[in-house]
């Protein structure tokens, strides 16, 4: 599917999503302990969401020449998950890995890494911006999430996708999760990424698969993803605010 078609689809989706509001953004390690920072984000989030939806249109995130790649793509958050299901997959070289697309879809699907690599791919060199204030530039390759959603065919009433992950960032037996609306899910640069800088995705950066949602801050781009769940709303999922950090009082949109 061409970028022109994807952008046209996003214009239609915007009409369905606009005015629906948002939940609450997330943060990275150091700032997550700042109540003042959390309160500031909560106040700014509605204005950020609506102004970006109105002003940015179908804008693509800036893409850079490979000469600007960072020497190392700095990892953050979980860098070596120790959950039993992840350790078993890692020990087998992720041969048993399957990405599931389910929820409000007509055709629930599963994809091995080989199956994902066989699909039409996109490569992009983009900047990763962390809410802590640092940035890195990396080269990503993966399958546009729009392709996978089109194959699964979202049902009427679908408005969001929730990404379920293998890592237990809190160390309490929970699992990391995140979400975006269909407008961002169908953005041409939203990838289910399996390669970084022309090599298989390293564990520290989210192997075997992570999301790249290029018009979002880093915390909105989950690593170690095993399921993409299409939903009408996320209020009944885990803490009900659409993501691991959102459940800890950060806002939901996280746009840049």
C-alpha atoms as a PDB file:
ATOM      1  CA  UNK A   1       0.000   0.000   0.000  1.00  0.00           C
ATOM      2  CA  UNK A   2       1.436   3.409  -0.978  1.00  0.00           C
ATOM      3  CA  UNK A   3       2.067   6.243   1.463  1.00  0.00           C
ATOM      4  CA  UNK A   4      -0.503   8.324  -0.458  1.00  0.00           C
ATOM      5  CA  UNK A   5      -3.192   5.715   0.204  1.00  0.00           C
ATOM      6  CA  UNK A   6      -2.176   5.440   3.868  1.00  0.00           C
ATOM      7  CA  UNK A   7      -2.313   9.199   4.293  1.00  0.00           C
ATOM      8  CA  UNK A   8      -5.755   9.305   2.680  1.00  0.00           C
ATOM      9  CA  UNK A   9      -6.906   6.624   5.118  1.00  0.00           C
ATOM     10  CA  UNK A  10      -5.541   8.677   8.000  1.00  0.00           C
ATOM     11  CA  UNK A  11      -7.638  11.652   6.874  1.00  0.00           C
ATOM     12  CA  UNK A  12     -10.753   9.488   7.097  1.00  0.00           C
ATOM     13  CA  UNK A  13      -9.711   8.099  10.467  1.00  0.00           C
ATOM     14  CA  UNK A  14      -9.105  11.604  11.784  1.00  0.00           C
ATOM     15  CA  UNK A  15     -12.748  12.428  11.242  1.00  0.00           C
ATOM     16  CA  UNK A  16     -13.785   9.412  13.297  1.00  0.00           C
ATOM     17  CA  UNK A  17     -11.279  10.007  16.092  1.00  0.00           C
ATOM     18  CA  UNK A  18     -11.218  13.812  16.391  1.00  0.00           C
ATOM     19  CA  UNK A  19     -12.931  15.013  19.515  1.00  0.00           C
ATOM     20  CA  UNK A  20     -12.729  11.635  21.213  1.00  0.00           C
ATOM     21  CA  UNK A  21     -10.191  13.094  23.616  1.00  0.00           C
ATOM     22  CA  UNK A  22      -7.343  11.196  25.162  1.00  0.00           C
ATOM     23  CA  UNK A  23      -6.419   9.345  28.265  1.00  0.00           C
ATOM     24  CA  UNK A  24      -3.400  10.264  30.114  1.00  0.00           C
ATOM     25  CA  UNK A  25       1.508  10.472  28.665  1.00  0.00           C
ATOM     26  CA  UNK A  26       4.182   8.476  30.232  1.00  0.00           C
ATOM     27  CA  UNK A  27       7.735   9.088  31.083  1.00  0.00           C
ATOM     28  CA  UNK A  28      11.170   7.680  31.481  1.00  0.00           C
ATOM     29  CA  UNK A  29      13.018   6.591  34.547  1.00  0.00           C
ATOM     30  CA  UNK A  30      14.271   9.758  36.254  1.00  0.00           C
ATOM     31  CA  UNK A  31      11.313  12.031  35.560  1.00  0.00           C
ATOM     32  CA  UNK A  32       8.798   9.397  36.602  1.00  0.00           C
ATOM     33  CA  UNK A  33       9.535  10.256  40.227  1.00  0.00           C
ATOM     34  CA  UNK A  34       8.719  13.966  39.833  1.00  0.00           C
ATOM     35  CA  UNK A  35       5.161  14.786  40.937  1.00  0.00           C
ATOM     36  CA  UNK A  36       5.583  18.329  39.685  1.00  0.00           C
ATOM     37  CA  UNK A  37       6.602  17.103  36.242  1.00  0.00           C
ATOM     38  CA  UNK A  38       3.650  14.696  36.134  1.00  0.00           C
ATOM     39  CA  UNK A  39       1.239  17.493  37.004  1.00  0.00           C
ATOM     40  CA  UNK A  40       2.737  19.715  34.311  1.00  0.00           C
ATOM     41  CA  UNK A  41       2.309  17.022  31.672  1.00  0.00           C
ATOM     42  CA  UNK A  42      -1.270  16.384  32.743  1.00  0.00           C
ATOM     43  CA  UNK A  43      -2.132  20.069  32.289  1.00  0.00           C
ATOM     44  CA  UNK A  44      -0.457  20.313  28.877  1.00  0.00           C
ATOM     45  CA  UNK A  45      -1.703  17.057  27.354  1.00  0.00           C
ATOM     46  CA  UNK A  46      -5.175  18.078  26.064  1.00  0.00           C
ATOM     47  CA  UNK A  47      -3.738  21.162  24.353  1.00  0.00           C
ATOM     48  CA  UNK A  48      -0.886  19.099  22.885  1.00  0.00           C
ATOM     49  CA  UNK A  49      -3.213  16.466  21.486  1.00  0.00           C
ATOM     50  CA  UNK A  50      -5.715  18.798  19.870  1.00  0.00           C
ATOM     51  CA  UNK A  51      -3.175  21.303  18.563  1.00  0.00           C
ATOM     52  CA  UNK A  52      -1.035  18.581  16.997  1.00  0.00           C
ATOM     53  CA  UNK A  53      -4.045  16.894  15.436  1.00  0.00           C
ATOM     54  CA  UNK A  54      -5.111  20.229  13.904  1.00  0.00           C
ATOM     55  CA  UNK A  55      -1.713  21.580  12.851  1.00  0.00           C
ATOM     56  CA  UNK A  56       0.409  18.596  11.901  1.00  0.00           C
ATOM     57  CA  UNK A  57      -2.000  17.035   9.419  1.00  0.00           C
ATOM     58  CA  UNK A  58      -0.442  13.991   7.808  1.00  0.00           C
ATOM     59  CA  UNK A  59       3.095  15.182   8.469  1.00  0.00           C
ATOM     60  CA  UNK A  60       5.864  12.606   8.351  1.00  0.00           C
ATOM     61  CA  UNK A  61       8.560  12.615  10.985  1.00  0.00           C
ATOM     62  CA  UNK A  62      11.894  13.902   9.699  1.00  0.00           C
ATOM     63  CA  UNK A  63      14.082  11.237   8.124  1.00  0.00           C
ATOM     64  CA  UNK A  64      17.858  11.654   8.146  1.00  0.00           C
ATOM     65  CA  UNK A  65      20.802  10.521   6.005  1.00  0.00           C
ATOM     66  CA  UNK A  66      22.687   7.491   7.270  1.00  0.00           C
ATOM     67  CA  UNK A  67      25.701   9.721   7.853  1.00  0.00           C
ATOM     68  CA  UNK A  68      23.834  11.081  10.887  1.00  0.00           C
ATOM     69  CA  UNK A  69      23.329   7.710  12.616  1.00  0.00           C
ATOM     70  CA  UNK A  70      24.260   7.788  16.290  1.00  0.00           C
ATOM     71  CA  UNK A  71      27.340   5.689  17.190  1.00  0.00           C
ATOM     72  CA  UNK A  72      25.125   3.691  19.559  1.00  0.00           C
ATOM     73  CA  UNK A  73      21.363   3.570  19.857  1.00  0.00           C
ATOM     74  CA  UNK A  74      20.971   4.160  23.578  1.00  0.00           C
ATOM     75  CA  UNK A  75      18.526   1.735  25.238  1.00  0.00           C
ATOM     76  CA  UNK A  76      16.224   2.736  28.056  1.00  0.00           C
ATOM     77  CA  UNK A  77      13.727   1.113  30.404  1.00  0.00           C
ATOM     78  CA  UNK A  78      13.882  -2.682  30.195  1.00  0.00           C
ATOM     79  CA  UNK A  79      17.077  -3.852  28.494  1.00  0.00           C
ATOM     80  CA  UNK A  80      17.113  -7.586  29.325  1.00  0.00           C
ATOM     81  CA  UNK A  81      13.697  -9.014  30.251  1.00  0.00           C
ATOM     82  CA  UNK A  82      13.765 -11.913  32.708  1.00  0.00           C
ATOM     83  CA  UNK A  83      10.179 -13.125  32.353  1.00  0.00           C
ATOM     84  CA  UNK A  84       9.980 -16.897  31.781  1.00  0.00           C
ATOM     85  CA  UNK A  85       8.238 -16.675  28.422  1.00  0.00           C
ATOM     86  CA  UNK A  86      10.806 -14.227  27.095  1.00  0.00           C
ATOM     87  CA  UNK A  87      13.801 -16.183  28.368  1.00  0.00           C
ATOM     88  CA  UNK A  88      12.480 -19.339  26.687  1.00  0.00           C
ATOM     89  CA  UNK A  89      12.097 -17.576  23.339  1.00  0.00           C
ATOM     90  CA  UNK A  90      15.500 -15.919  23.605  1.00  0.00           C
ATOM     91  CA  UNK A  91      17.192 -19.230  24.391  1.00  0.00           C
ATOM     92  CA  UNK A  92      15.772 -20.624  21.143  1.00  0.00           C
ATOM     93  CA  UNK A  93      16.875 -17.654  19.053  1.00  0.00           C
ATOM     94  CA  UNK A  94      13.242 -16.437  18.883  1.00  0.00           C
ATOM     95  CA  UNK A  95      12.347 -19.210  16.437  1.00  0.00           C
ATOM     96  CA  UNK A  96       9.136 -19.844  18.344  1.00  0.00           C
ATOM     97  CA  UNK A  97       8.158 -16.179  18.443  1.00  0.00           C
ATOM     98  CA  UNK A  98       4.758 -15.202  17.065  1.00  0.00           C
ATOM     99  CA  UNK A  99       3.278 -11.727  16.746  1.00  0.00           C
ATOM    100  CA  UNK A 100      -0.478 -11.902  17.301  1.00  0.00           C
ATOM    101  CA  UNK A 101      -3.006  -9.465  15.844  1.00  0.00           C
ATOM    102  CA  UNK A 102      -6.320  -9.941  17.614  1.00  0.00           C
ATOM    103  CA  UNK A 103      -9.214  -8.214  19.363  1.00  0.00           C
ATOM    104  CA  UNK A 104     -11.794  -6.394  17.233  1.00  0.00           C
ATOM    105  CA  UNK A 105     -10.656  -7.892  13.938  1.00  0.00           C
ATOM    106  CA  UNK A 106     -12.327 -10.166  11.424  1.00  0.00           C
ATOM    107  CA  UNK A 107      -9.238 -12.376  11.007  1.00  0.00           C
ATOM    108  CA  UNK A 108      -7.033 -12.892  14.083  1.00  0.00           C
ATOM    109  CA  UNK A 109      -3.533 -13.600  12.787  1.00  0.00           C
ATOM    110  CA  UNK A 110      -0.120 -14.790  13.923  1.00  0.00           C
ATOM    111  CA  UNK A 111       3.226 -14.063  12.271  1.00  0.00           C
ATOM    112  CA  UNK A 112       6.610 -15.661  12.844  1.00  0.00           C
ATOM    113  CA  UNK A 113       9.694 -13.492  12.375  1.00  0.00           C
ATOM    114  CA  UNK A 114      10.311 -15.156   9.022  1.00  0.00           C
ATOM    115  CA  UNK A 115       6.752 -14.382   7.951  1.00  0.00           C
ATOM    116  CA  UNK A 116       7.145 -10.744   8.977  1.00  0.00           C
ATOM    117  CA  UNK A 117      10.433 -10.449   7.095  1.00  0.00           C
ATOM    118  CA  UNK A 118       8.749 -11.854   3.978  1.00  0.00           C
ATOM    119  CA  UNK A 119       6.181  -9.041   3.907  1.00  0.00           C
ATOM    120  CA  UNK A 120       6.801  -5.716   2.111  1.00  0.00           C
ATOM    121  CA  UNK A 121       9.043  -3.690   4.402  1.00  0.00           C
ATOM    122  CA  UNK A 122       9.893  -0.063   5.032  1.00  0.00           C
ATOM    123  CA  UNK A 123      13.282   1.329   6.074  1.00  0.00           C
ATOM    124  CA  UNK A 124      13.579   4.730   7.752  1.00  0.00           C
ATOM    125  CA  UNK A 125      16.292   6.706   9.550  1.00  0.00           C
ATOM    126  CA  UNK A 126      14.631   8.673  12.335  1.00  0.00           C
ATOM    127  CA  UNK A 127      15.318  10.342  15.649  1.00  0.00           C
ATOM    128  CA  UNK A 128      14.202   8.829  18.942  1.00  0.00           C
ATOM    129  CA  UNK A 129      13.343  11.516  21.505  1.00  0.00           C
ATOM    130  CA  UNK A 130      13.156  10.562  25.173  1.00  0.00           C
ATOM    131  CA  UNK A 131      11.142  12.637  27.616  1.00  0.00           C
ATOM    132  CA  UNK A 132      14.301  12.771  29.758  1.00  0.00           C
ATOM    133  CA  UNK A 133      15.793  15.105  27.165  1.00  0.00           C
ATOM    134  CA  UNK A 134      18.178  12.967  25.093  1.00  0.00           C
ATOM    135  CA  UNK A 135      17.879  11.856  21.467  1.00  0.00           C
ATOM    136  CA  UNK A 136      19.494   9.276  19.175  1.00  0.00           C
ATOM    137  CA  UNK A 137      19.167   8.550  15.470  1.00  0.00           C
ATOM    138  CA  UNK A 138      18.710   4.999  14.195  1.00  0.00           C
ATOM    139  CA  UNK A 139      17.917   3.128  11.002  1.00  0.00           C
ATOM    140  CA  UNK A 140      14.845   0.927  11.326  1.00  0.00           C
ATOM    141  CA  UNK A 141      13.420  -1.778   9.119  1.00  0.00           C
ATOM    142  CA  UNK A 142      10.072  -3.443   9.641  1.00  0.00           C
ATOM    143  CA  UNK A 143       6.533  -4.002   8.439  1.00  0.00           C
ATOM    144  CA  UNK A 144       4.171  -1.009   8.412  1.00  0.00           C
ATOM    145  CA  UNK A 145       1.560  -1.734  11.052  1.00  0.00           C
ATOM    146  CA  UNK A 146      -1.089  -0.641   8.530  1.00  0.00           C
ATOM    147  CA  UNK A 147      -0.304  -3.715   6.433  1.00  0.00           C
ATOM    148  CA  UNK A 148      -0.851  -6.061   9.356  1.00  0.00           C
ATOM    149  CA  UNK A 149      -4.075  -4.324  10.358  1.00  0.00           C
ATOM    150  CA  UNK A 150      -5.365  -4.481   6.792  1.00  0.00           C
ATOM    151  CA  UNK A 151      -4.721  -8.219   6.728  1.00  0.00           C
ATOM    152  CA  UNK A 152      -6.600  -8.660  10.024  1.00  0.00           C
ATOM    153  CA  UNK A 153      -9.383  -6.240   9.018  1.00  0.00           C
ATOM    154  CA  UNK A 154     -10.495  -4.173  12.058  1.00  0.00           C
ATOM    155  CA  UNK A 155     -14.184  -4.400  12.836  1.00  0.00           C
ATOM    156  CA  UNK A 156     -16.582  -1.457  13.107  1.00  0.00           C
ATOM    157  CA  UNK A 157     -16.110   0.244  16.450  1.00  0.00           C
ATOM    158  CA  UNK A 158     -12.335  -0.273  16.564  1.00  0.00           C
ATOM    159  CA  UNK A 159     -10.575   2.914  17.718  1.00  0.00           C
ATOM    160  CA  UNK A 160      -7.288   1.956  19.361  1.00  0.00           C
ATOM    161  CA  UNK A 161      -4.534  -0.637  19.278  1.00  0.00           C
ATOM    162  CA  UNK A 162      -2.951  -1.905  22.486  1.00  0.00           C
ATOM    163  CA  UNK A 163       0.578  -3.337  22.408  1.00  0.00           C
ATOM    164  CA  UNK A 164       1.211  -6.133  24.906  1.00  0.00           C
ATOM    165  CA  UNK A 165       4.846  -6.854  25.769  1.00  0.00           C
ATOM    166  CA  UNK A 166       7.012  -9.526  27.385  1.00  0.00           C
ATOM    167  CA  UNK A 167       8.894  -7.313  29.847  1.00  0.00           C
ATOM    168  CA  UNK A 168       8.083  -6.781  33.506  1.00  0.00           C
ATOM    169  CA  UNK A 169       9.478  -3.287  34.079  1.00  0.00           C
ATOM    170  CA  UNK A 170       7.940  -2.985  37.527  1.00  0.00           C
ATOM    171  CA  UNK A 171       9.326  -6.328  38.715  1.00  0.00           C
ATOM    172  CA  UNK A 172       5.956  -7.249  40.198  1.00  0.00           C
ATOM    173  CA  UNK A 173       4.740  -9.845  37.712  1.00  0.00           C
ATOM    174  CA  UNK A 174       2.906  -7.329  35.519  1.00  0.00           C
ATOM    175  CA  UNK A 175       3.696  -6.839  31.833  1.00  0.00           C
ATOM    176  CA  UNK A 176       4.456  -3.622  30.000  1.00  0.00           C
ATOM    177  CA  UNK A 177       1.789  -2.322  27.627  1.00  0.00           C
ATOM    178  CA  UNK A 178       1.088   0.775  25.559  1.00  0.00           C
ATOM    179  CA  UNK A 179      -1.547   2.065  23.124  1.00  0.00           C
ATOM    180  CA  UNK A 180      -2.237   4.507  20.291  1.00  0.00           C
ATOM    181  CA  UNK A 181      -5.325   5.369  18.295  1.00  0.00           C
ATOM    182  CA  UNK A 182      -5.936   4.086  14.781  1.00  0.00           C
ATOM    183  CA  UNK A 183      -4.805   7.378  13.289  1.00  0.00           C
ATOM    184  CA  UNK A 184      -1.281   6.799  14.598  1.00  0.00           C
ATOM    185  CA  UNK A 185      -1.459   3.052  13.995  1.00  0.00           C
ATOM    186  CA  UNK A 186      -2.054   3.705  10.287  1.00  0.00           C
ATOM    187  CA  UNK A 187       0.656   6.353   9.952  1.00  0.00           C
ATOM    188  CA  UNK A 188       3.083   5.319   7.154  1.00  0.00           C
ATOM    189  CA  UNK A 189       6.071   5.453   9.531  1.00  0.00           C
ATOM    190  CA  UNK A 190       4.503   3.274  12.233  1.00  0.00           C
ATOM    191  CA  UNK A 191       6.466   0.045  11.996  1.00  0.00           C
ATOM    192  CA  UNK A 192       6.600  -3.358  13.617  1.00  0.00           C
ATOM    193  CA  UNK A 193      10.410  -3.164  13.536  1.00  0.00           C
ATOM    194  CA  UNK A 194      12.684  -6.206  13.548  1.00  0.00           C
ATOM    195  CA  UNK A 195      16.001  -4.611  12.499  1.00  0.00           C
ATOM    196  CA  UNK A 196      18.117  -1.713  13.745  1.00  0.00           C
ATOM    197  CA  UNK A 197      21.056  -0.331  11.769  1.00  0.00           C
ATOM    198  CA  UNK A 198      20.970  -3.218   9.272  1.00  0.00           C
ATOM    199  CA  UNK A 199      21.187  -5.907  11.976  1.00  0.00           C
ATOM    200  CA  UNK A 200      18.616  -7.971  13.853  1.00  0.00           C
ATOM    201  CA  UNK A 201      17.127  -5.952  16.669  1.00  0.00           C
ATOM    202  CA  UNK A 202      19.326  -6.277  19.799  1.00  0.00           C
ATOM    203  CA  UNK A 203      17.763  -7.476  23.035  1.00  0.00           C
ATOM    204  CA  UNK A 204      18.477  -4.156  24.757  1.00  0.00           C
ATOM    205  CA  UNK A 205      16.520  -2.348  22.034  1.00  0.00           C
ATOM    206  CA  UNK A 206      13.488  -4.643  22.051  1.00  0.00           C
ATOM    207  CA  UNK A 207      14.224  -7.948  20.288  1.00  0.00           C
ATOM    208  CA  UNK A 208      12.640  -9.645  18.565  1.00  0.00           C
ATOM    209  CA  UNK A 209      10.103  -6.930  17.701  1.00  0.00           C
ATOM    210  CA  UNK A 210       9.323  -3.413  18.838  1.00  0.00           C
ATOM    211  CA  UNK A 211       7.119  -0.606  17.619  1.00  0.00           C
ATOM    212  CA  UNK A 212       8.378   2.540  15.956  1.00  0.00           C
ATOM    213  CA  UNK A 213       5.747   5.266  16.160  1.00  0.00           C
ATOM    214  CA  UNK A 214       7.842   8.110  14.914  1.00  0.00           C
ATOM    215  CA  UNK A 215       5.688  11.072  15.898  1.00  0.00           C
ATOM    216  CA  UNK A 216       5.681   9.949  19.524  1.00  0.00           C
ATOM    217  CA  UNK A 217       8.125  10.245  22.409  1.00  0.00           C
ATOM    218  CA  UNK A 218      10.180   7.183  23.243  1.00  0.00           C
ATOM    219  CA  UNK A 219       7.986   5.778  25.977  1.00  0.00           C
ATOM    220  CA  UNK A 220       5.148   5.406  23.447  1.00  0.00           C
ATOM    221  CA  UNK A 221       7.257   3.004  21.350  1.00  0.00           C
ATOM    222  CA  UNK A 222       7.076  -0.294  23.221  1.00  0.00           C
ATOM    223  CA  UNK A 223       9.706  -3.017  23.034  1.00  0.00           C
ATOM    224  CA  UNK A 224       9.365  -6.824  23.236  1.00  0.00           C
ATOM    225  CA  UNK A 225       5.878  -6.730  21.664  1.00  0.00           C
ATOM    226  CA  UNK A 226       4.017 -10.027  21.319  1.00  0.00           C
ATOM    227  CA  UNK A 227       0.402  -8.920  20.686  1.00  0.00           C
ATOM    228  CA  UNK A 228      -1.345  -6.062  18.926  1.00  0.00           C
ATOM    229  CA  UNK A 229      -4.894  -5.949  20.278  1.00  0.00           C
ATOM    230  CA  UNK A 230      -7.461  -3.886  18.390  1.00  0.00           C
ATOM    231  CA  UNK A 231     -10.000  -2.398  20.797  1.00  0.00           C
ATOM    232  CA  UNK A 232     -12.874   0.056  21.070  1.00  0.00           C
ATOM    233  CA  UNK A 233     -11.372   1.490  24.281  1.00  0.00           C
ATOM    234  CA  UNK A 234      -8.624   0.722  26.770  1.00  0.00           C
ATOM    235  CA  UNK A 235     -10.444   1.601  30.007  1.00  0.00           C
ATOM    236  CA  UNK A 236     -10.768  -2.030  31.111  1.00  0.00           C
ATOM    237  CA  UNK A 237      -7.157  -3.008  30.333  1.00  0.00           C
ATOM    238  CA  UNK A 238      -4.713  -3.162  33.283  1.00  0.00           C
ATOM    239  CA  UNK A 239      -4.919   0.261  34.997  1.00  0.00           C
ATOM    240  CA  UNK A 240      -7.291   1.695  32.426  1.00  0.00           C
ATOM    241  CA  UNK A 241      -5.225   4.644  31.208  1.00  0.00           C
ATOM    242  CA  UNK A 242      -3.721   3.125  28.090  1.00  0.00           C
ATOM    243  CA  UNK A 243      -0.179   2.282  29.134  1.00  0.00           C
ATOM    244  CA  UNK A 244       2.286   1.287  31.830  1.00  0.00           C
ATOM    245  CA  UNK A 245       3.412   4.857  32.529  1.00  0.00           C
ATOM    246  CA  UNK A 246      -0.039   6.312  31.985  1.00  0.00           C
ATOM    247  CA  UNK A 247      -1.266   4.119  34.840  1.00  0.00           C
ATOM    248  CA  UNK A 248       1.339   5.949  36.931  1.00  0.00           C
ATOM    249  CA  UNK A 249      -0.245   9.341  36.218  1.00  0.00           C
ATOM    250  CA  UNK A 250       1.515  10.344  32.998  1.00  0.00           C
ATOM    251  CA  UNK A 251      -0.491  11.475  29.988  1.00  0.00           C
ATOM    252  CA  UNK A 252      -1.457   9.284  27.078  1.00  0.00           C
ATOM    253  CA  UNK A 253      -0.779  11.167  23.840  1.00  0.00           C
ATOM    254  CA  UNK A 254       2.996  11.719  23.966  1.00  0.00           C
ATOM    255  CA  UNK A 255       3.276  13.408  20.576  1.00  0.00           C
ATOM    256  CA  UNK A 256       6.227  15.356  19.196  1.00  0.00           C
END
